[in-house]
Amino acid sequence: MDEGRRVILRSAGATGALVAALAAGLLKPERALAANWDKSAFRQKTAADALKSIGADNAVASREVLLDVPEIAENGAVVPVEITSHVPGTTSIAVVIDKNPFPLTSRFNFMEGALPYVKVNLKMGQTSEVRAIAEANRPVGFAGASCVRADSSARSRSARLTIPTMRPSRSTGTRLMR
């Protein structure tokens, strides 16, 4: 039998089985989607309103929420943010950037026993305070904050740095060149 024909028949059989399973209700793709996300919280225009809508308007500052962000972001379109929560029973971590058009940028929910750690790249339009709010089983939220300068001139400054490279030498093997 021709190999191309076998591939087509196998693909058609798999597609037919998938369609039959969907029609029978055995597969529920809507469960895989984020169907129950809080749309109103993500549509808030101010940081205070966003915090209020997720129930963290009176979050307490804590050293148990570690926020690792660059002091100066080379590119405001890609700002790396790393958050770790040592608050016992953390159920979710939310990230709020005060001067963004929509301050609540992300919210991550954790199952019981999961390590509350998040690493994400976010977009910042301008220099702003970045806050991470960890919500625990207790009704109080805990926040960590850091100011990030989104500076377009930072890229040109970093491009002027000279990075030493290794180049083979005839006599000594390898030497450091500037």
C-alpha atoms as a PDB file:
ATOM      1  CA  MET A   1       0.000   0.000   0.000  1.00  0.00           C
ATOM      2  CA  ASP A   2       1.225   3.482  -0.792  1.00  0.00           C
ATOM      3  CA  GLU A   3       2.723   5.313   2.257  1.00  0.00           C
ATOM      4  CA  GLY A   4       0.912   8.575   1.420  1.00  0.00           C
ATOM      5  CA  ARG A   5      -2.421   6.784   1.344  1.00  0.00           C
ATOM      6  CA  ARG A   6      -1.731   5.214   4.760  1.00  0.00           C
ATOM      7  CA  VAL A   7      -0.995   8.633   6.272  1.00  0.00           C
ATOM      8  CA  ILE A   8      -4.202  10.088   4.852  1.00  0.00           C
ATOM      9  CA  LEU A   9      -6.314   7.172   6.114  1.00  0.00           C
ATOM     10  CA  ARG A  10      -4.719   7.347   9.586  1.00  0.00           C
ATOM     11  CA  SER A  11      -5.298  11.116   9.770  1.00  0.00           C
ATOM     12  CA  ALA A  12      -8.900  10.783   8.623  1.00  0.00           C
ATOM     13  CA  GLY A  13      -9.530   8.077  11.228  1.00  0.00           C
ATOM     14  CA  ALA A  14      -8.052  10.196  14.032  1.00  0.00           C
ATOM     15  CA  THR A  15     -10.043  13.242  12.943  1.00  0.00           C
ATOM     16  CA  GLY A  16     -13.257  11.206  12.803  1.00  0.00           C
ATOM     17  CA  ALA A  17     -12.654   9.824  16.299  1.00  0.00           C
ATOM     18  CA  LEU A  18     -12.013  13.324  17.644  1.00  0.00           C
ATOM     19  CA  VAL A  19     -15.196  14.700  16.059  1.00  0.00           C
ATOM     20  CA  ALA A  20     -17.220  11.767  17.435  1.00  0.00           C
ATOM     21  CA  ALA A  21     -15.816  12.328  20.954  1.00  0.00           C
ATOM     22  CA  LEU A  22     -16.653  16.057  20.784  1.00  0.00           C
ATOM     23  CA  ALA A  23     -20.169  15.344  19.539  1.00  0.00           C
ATOM     24  CA  ALA A  24     -20.765  12.789  22.294  1.00  0.00           C
ATOM     25  CA  GLY A  25     -19.710  15.306  24.922  1.00  0.00           C
ATOM     26  CA  LEU A  26     -16.716  13.274  26.095  1.00  0.00           C
ATOM     27  CA  LEU A  27     -14.316  16.132  25.427  1.00  0.00           C
ATOM     28  CA  LYS A  28     -15.046  19.552  26.877  1.00  0.00           C
ATOM     29  CA  PRO A  29     -12.658  22.128  25.358  1.00  0.00           C
ATOM     30  CA  GLU A  30     -14.321  25.015  27.239  1.00  0.00           C
ATOM     31  CA  ARG A  31     -12.893  23.610  30.488  1.00  0.00           C
ATOM     32  CA  ALA A  32      -9.377  24.164  29.146  1.00  0.00           C
ATOM     33  CA  LEU A  33     -10.061  27.831  28.451  1.00  0.00           C
ATOM     34  CA  ALA A  34      -9.947  30.563  31.082  1.00  0.00           C
ATOM     35  CA  ALA A  35     -13.693  30.937  31.053  1.00  0.00           C
ATOM     36  CA  ASN A  36     -14.050  32.148  34.636  1.00  0.00           C
ATOM     37  CA  TRP A  37     -11.527  34.982  34.694  1.00  0.00           C
ATOM     38  CA  ASP A  38     -12.433  38.273  36.338  1.00  0.00           C
ATOM     39  CA  LYS A  39     -12.953  40.554  33.324  1.00  0.00           C
ATOM     40  CA  SER A  40     -13.978  43.574  35.387  1.00  0.00           C
ATOM     41  CA  ALA A  41     -10.729  43.528  37.398  1.00  0.00           C
ATOM     42  CA  PHE A  42      -8.599  43.536  34.248  1.00  0.00           C
ATOM     43  CA  ARG A  43     -10.621  46.414  32.747  1.00  0.00           C
ATOM     44  CA  GLN A  44     -10.026  48.833  35.637  1.00  0.00           C
ATOM     45  CA  LYS A  45      -8.196  52.038  34.651  1.00  0.00           C
ATOM     46  CA  THR A  46      -6.481  52.824  37.988  1.00  0.00           C
ATOM     47  CA  ALA A  47      -4.340  50.691  40.276  1.00  0.00           C
ATOM     48  CA  ALA A  48      -6.570  51.450  43.282  1.00  0.00           C
ATOM     49  CA  ASP A  49      -9.679  50.265  41.428  1.00  0.00           C
ATOM     50  CA  ALA A  50      -7.897  47.135  40.191  1.00  0.00           C
ATOM     51  CA  LEU A  51      -6.722  46.284  43.713  1.00  0.00           C
ATOM     52  CA  LYS A  52     -10.202  46.886  45.079  1.00  0.00           C
ATOM     53  CA  SER A  53     -11.791  44.621  42.457  1.00  0.00           C
ATOM     54  CA  ILE A  54      -9.538  41.681  43.418  1.00  0.00           C
ATOM     55  CA  GLY A  55     -10.056  42.339  47.128  1.00  0.00           C
ATOM     56  CA  ALA A  56      -6.517  43.517  47.861  1.00  0.00           C
ATOM     57  CA  ASP A  57      -7.138  47.217  48.428  1.00  0.00           C
ATOM     58  CA  ASN A  58      -5.803  46.923  51.988  1.00  0.00           C
ATOM     59  CA  ALA A  59      -2.838  44.626  51.236  1.00  0.00           C
ATOM     60  CA  VAL A  60      -0.096  44.673  53.858  1.00  0.00           C
ATOM     61  CA  ALA A  61       3.548  45.108  52.793  1.00  0.00           C
ATOM     62  CA  SER A  62       5.542  41.968  53.503  1.00  0.00           C
ATOM     63  CA  ARG A  63       9.095  40.697  53.118  1.00  0.00           C
ATOM     64  CA  GLU A  64       7.642  37.262  52.384  1.00  0.00           C
ATOM     65  CA  VAL A  65       6.748  38.318  48.837  1.00  0.00           C
ATOM     66  CA  LEU A  66       9.923  38.594  46.768  1.00  0.00           C
ATOM     67  CA  LEU A  67       9.755  40.655  43.601  1.00  0.00           C
ATOM     68  CA  ASP A  68      12.735  40.536  41.238  1.00  0.00           C
ATOM     69  CA  VAL A  69      12.601  43.187  38.496  1.00  0.00           C
ATOM     70  CA  PRO A  70      15.321  45.196  36.745  1.00  0.00           C
ATOM     71  CA  GLU A  71      15.957  48.697  38.038  1.00  0.00           C
ATOM     72  CA  ILE A  72      16.114  49.968  34.455  1.00  0.00           C
ATOM     73  CA  ALA A  73      14.327  48.020  31.736  1.00  0.00           C
ATOM     74  CA  GLU A  74      16.245  48.042  28.459  1.00  0.00           C
ATOM     75  CA  ASN A  75      13.042  47.571  26.520  1.00  0.00           C
ATOM     76  CA  GLY A  76       9.689  48.579  28.007  1.00  0.00           C
ATOM     77  CA  ALA A  77       7.936  46.056  25.757  1.00  0.00           C
ATOM     78  CA  VAL A  78       9.646  43.134  27.522  1.00  0.00           C
ATOM     79  CA  VAL A  79      10.235  43.648  31.246  1.00  0.00           C
ATOM     80  CA  PRO A  80      11.137  40.409  33.076  1.00  0.00           C
ATOM     81  CA  VAL A  81       9.317  40.028  36.400  1.00  0.00           C
ATOM     82  CA  GLU A  82       9.998  37.183  38.822  1.00  0.00           C
ATOM     83  CA  ILE A  83       7.834  36.690  41.926  1.00  0.00           C
ATOM     84  CA  THR A  84       8.175  34.222  44.775  1.00  0.00           C
ATOM     85  CA  SER A  85       5.790  34.088  47.719  1.00  0.00           C
ATOM     86  CA  HIS A  86       6.826  32.603  51.049  1.00  0.00           C
ATOM     87  CA  VAL A  87       3.425  33.398  52.558  1.00  0.00           C
ATOM     88  CA  PRO A  88       1.945  30.103  53.822  1.00  0.00           C
ATOM     89  CA  GLY A  89      -1.138  29.020  51.895  1.00  0.00           C
ATOM     90  CA  THR A  90      -0.694  31.354  48.919  1.00  0.00           C
ATOM     91  CA  THR A  91      -3.630  30.860  46.554  1.00  0.00           C
ATOM     92  CA  SER A  92      -2.867  33.500  43.910  1.00  0.00           C
ATOM     93  CA  ILE A  93      -0.365  36.132  42.820  1.00  0.00           C
ATOM     94  CA  ALA A  94      -1.443  39.286  40.988  1.00  0.00           C
ATOM     95  CA  VAL A  95       0.837  41.823  39.279  1.00  0.00           C
ATOM     96  CA  VAL A  96      -0.136  45.501  39.176  1.00  0.00           C
ATOM     97  CA  ILE A  97       1.784  48.150  37.225  1.00  0.00           C
ATOM     98  CA  ASP A  98       0.511  51.512  38.431  1.00  0.00           C
ATOM     99  CA  LYS A  99       0.944  53.643  35.290  1.00  0.00           C
ATOM    100  CA  ASN A 100      -0.156  51.098  32.699  1.00  0.00           C
ATOM    101  CA  PRO A 101      -3.445  51.860  30.916  1.00  0.00           C
ATOM    102  CA  PHE A 102      -4.828  48.670  32.511  1.00  0.00           C
ATOM    103  CA  PRO A 103      -2.828  48.274  35.739  1.00  0.00           C
ATOM    104  CA  LEU A 104      -3.746  44.669  36.580  1.00  0.00           C
ATOM    105  CA  THR A 105      -1.478  42.886  34.112  1.00  0.00           C
ATOM    106  CA  SER A 106      -1.728  39.304  35.307  1.00  0.00           C
ATOM    107  CA  ARG A 107      -3.117  37.038  37.980  1.00  0.00           C
ATOM    108  CA  PHE A 108      -1.990  33.477  38.644  1.00  0.00           C
ATOM    109  CA  ASN A 109      -3.983  30.979  40.727  1.00  0.00           C
ATOM    110  CA  PHE A 110      -2.300  28.099  42.566  1.00  0.00           C
ATOM    111  CA  MET A 111      -3.688  24.811  43.787  1.00  0.00           C
ATOM    112  CA  GLU A 112      -2.948  23.733  47.336  1.00  0.00           C
ATOM    113  CA  GLY A 113       0.629  22.523  47.666  1.00  0.00           C
ATOM    114  CA  ALA A 114       1.880  24.292  44.525  1.00  0.00           C
ATOM    115  CA  LEU A 115       5.024  26.414  44.704  1.00  0.00           C
ATOM    116  CA  PRO A 116       3.885  30.069  44.420  1.00  0.00           C
ATOM    117  CA  TYR A 117       6.527  31.176  41.900  1.00  0.00           C
ATOM    118  CA  VAL A 118       5.934  33.150  38.701  1.00  0.00           C
ATOM    119  CA  LYS A 119       8.295  34.402  36.005  1.00  0.00           C
ATOM    120  CA  VAL A 120       6.683  36.502  33.297  1.00  0.00           C
ATOM    121  CA  ASN A 121       7.590  39.211  30.758  1.00  0.00           C
ATOM    122  CA  LEU A 122       5.353  42.266  30.964  1.00  0.00           C
ATOM    123  CA  LYS A 123       4.924  45.429  28.910  1.00  0.00           C
ATOM    124  CA  MET A 124       5.415  48.833  30.533  1.00  0.00           C
ATOM    125  CA  GLY A 125       4.613  52.093  28.812  1.00  0.00           C
ATOM    126  CA  GLN A 126       6.564  54.297  31.236  1.00  0.00           C
ATOM    127  CA  THR A 127       8.480  54.339  34.506  1.00  0.00           C
ATOM    128  CA  SER A 128       6.191  52.954  37.178  1.00  0.00           C
ATOM    129  CA  GLU A 129       5.902  51.026  40.384  1.00  0.00           C
ATOM    130  CA  VAL A 130       5.410  47.291  39.938  1.00  0.00           C
ATOM    131  CA  ARG A 131       3.514  45.520  42.720  1.00  0.00           C
ATOM    132  CA  ALA A 132       3.051  41.828  43.365  1.00  0.00           C
ATOM    133  CA  ILE A 133       0.118  40.880  45.552  1.00  0.00           C
ATOM    134  CA  ALA A 134       0.055  37.389  47.032  1.00  0.00           C
ATOM    135  CA  GLU A 135      -3.316  36.294  48.317  1.00  0.00           C
ATOM    136  CA  ALA A 136      -3.312  33.603  50.973  1.00  0.00           C
ATOM    137  CA  ASN A 137      -5.996  31.551  52.673  1.00  0.00           C
ATOM    138  CA  ARG A 138      -6.230  34.397  55.140  1.00  0.00           C
ATOM    139  CA  PRO A 139      -8.395  37.339  54.057  1.00  0.00           C
ATOM    140  CA  VAL A 140      -5.399  39.732  53.972  1.00  0.00           C
ATOM    141  CA  GLY A 141      -3.227  40.178  50.882  1.00  0.00           C
ATOM    142  CA  PHE A 142       0.521  40.691  51.034  1.00  0.00           C
ATOM    143  CA  ALA A 143       2.362  42.969  48.656  1.00  0.00           C
ATOM    144  CA  GLY A 144       5.897  43.451  47.419  1.00  0.00           C
ATOM    145  CA  ALA A 145       6.729  46.553  45.362  1.00  0.00           C
ATOM    146  CA  SER A 146       9.593  47.869  43.263  1.00  0.00           C
ATOM    147  CA  CYS A 147       9.976  50.824  40.899  1.00  0.00           C
ATOM    148  CA  VAL A 148      11.116  50.031  37.341  1.00  0.00           C
ATOM    149  CA  ARG A 149      12.388  52.709  35.005  1.00  0.00           C
ATOM    150  CA  ALA A 150      11.264  51.977  31.466  1.00  0.00           C
ATOM    151  CA  ASP A 151      13.885  53.954  29.592  1.00  0.00           C
ATOM    152  CA  SER A 152      14.383  53.831  25.837  1.00  0.00           C
ATOM    153  CA  SER A 153      17.826  55.432  26.211  1.00  0.00           C
ATOM    154  CA  ALA A 154      18.953  52.479  28.347  1.00  0.00           C
ATOM    155  CA  ARG A 155      19.302  50.430  25.192  1.00  0.00           C
ATOM    156  CA  SER A 156      21.787  52.863  23.685  1.00  0.00           C
ATOM    157  CA  ARG A 157      23.817  52.980  26.910  1.00  0.00           C
ATOM    158  CA  SER A 158      24.061  49.209  27.139  1.00  0.00           C
ATOM    159  CA  ALA A 159      25.074  48.973  23.479  1.00  0.00           C
ATOM    160  CA  ARG A 160      28.211  51.020  24.240  1.00  0.00           C
ATOM    161  CA  LEU A 161      29.526  48.502  26.749  1.00  0.00           C
ATOM    162  CA  THR A 162      32.580  46.593  25.567  1.00  0.00           C
ATOM    163  CA  ILE A 163      32.431  42.906  26.260  1.00  0.00           C
ATOM    164  CA  PRO A 164      35.764  41.087  26.490  1.00  0.00           C
ATOM    165  CA  THR A 165      36.098  38.198  24.074  1.00  0.00           C
ATOM    166  CA  MET A 166      38.497  35.284  23.829  1.00  0.00           C
ATOM    167  CA  ARG A 167      40.729  35.070  20.766  1.00  0.00           C
ATOM    168  CA  PRO A 168      43.380  32.424  20.074  1.00  0.00           C
ATOM    169  CA  SER A 169      46.984  33.599  20.214  1.00  0.00           C
ATOM    170  CA  ARG A 170      49.909  32.009  18.371  1.00  0.00           C
ATOM    171  CA  SER A 171      52.216  31.758  21.343  1.00  0.00           C
ATOM    172  CA  THR A 172      50.100  31.424  24.500  1.00  0.00           C
ATOM    173  CA  GLY A 173      46.978  29.633  23.273  1.00  0.00           C
ATOM    174  CA  THR A 174      44.133  31.925  24.353  1.00  0.00           C
ATOM    175  CA  ARG A 175      44.251  35.521  25.514  1.00  0.00           C
ATOM    176  CA  LEU A 176      41.745  38.129  26.544  1.00  0.00           C
ATOM    177  CA  MET A 177      41.113  40.836  23.946  1.00  0.00           C
ATOM    178  CA  ARG A 178      39.228  44.104  24.410  1.00  0.00           C
END
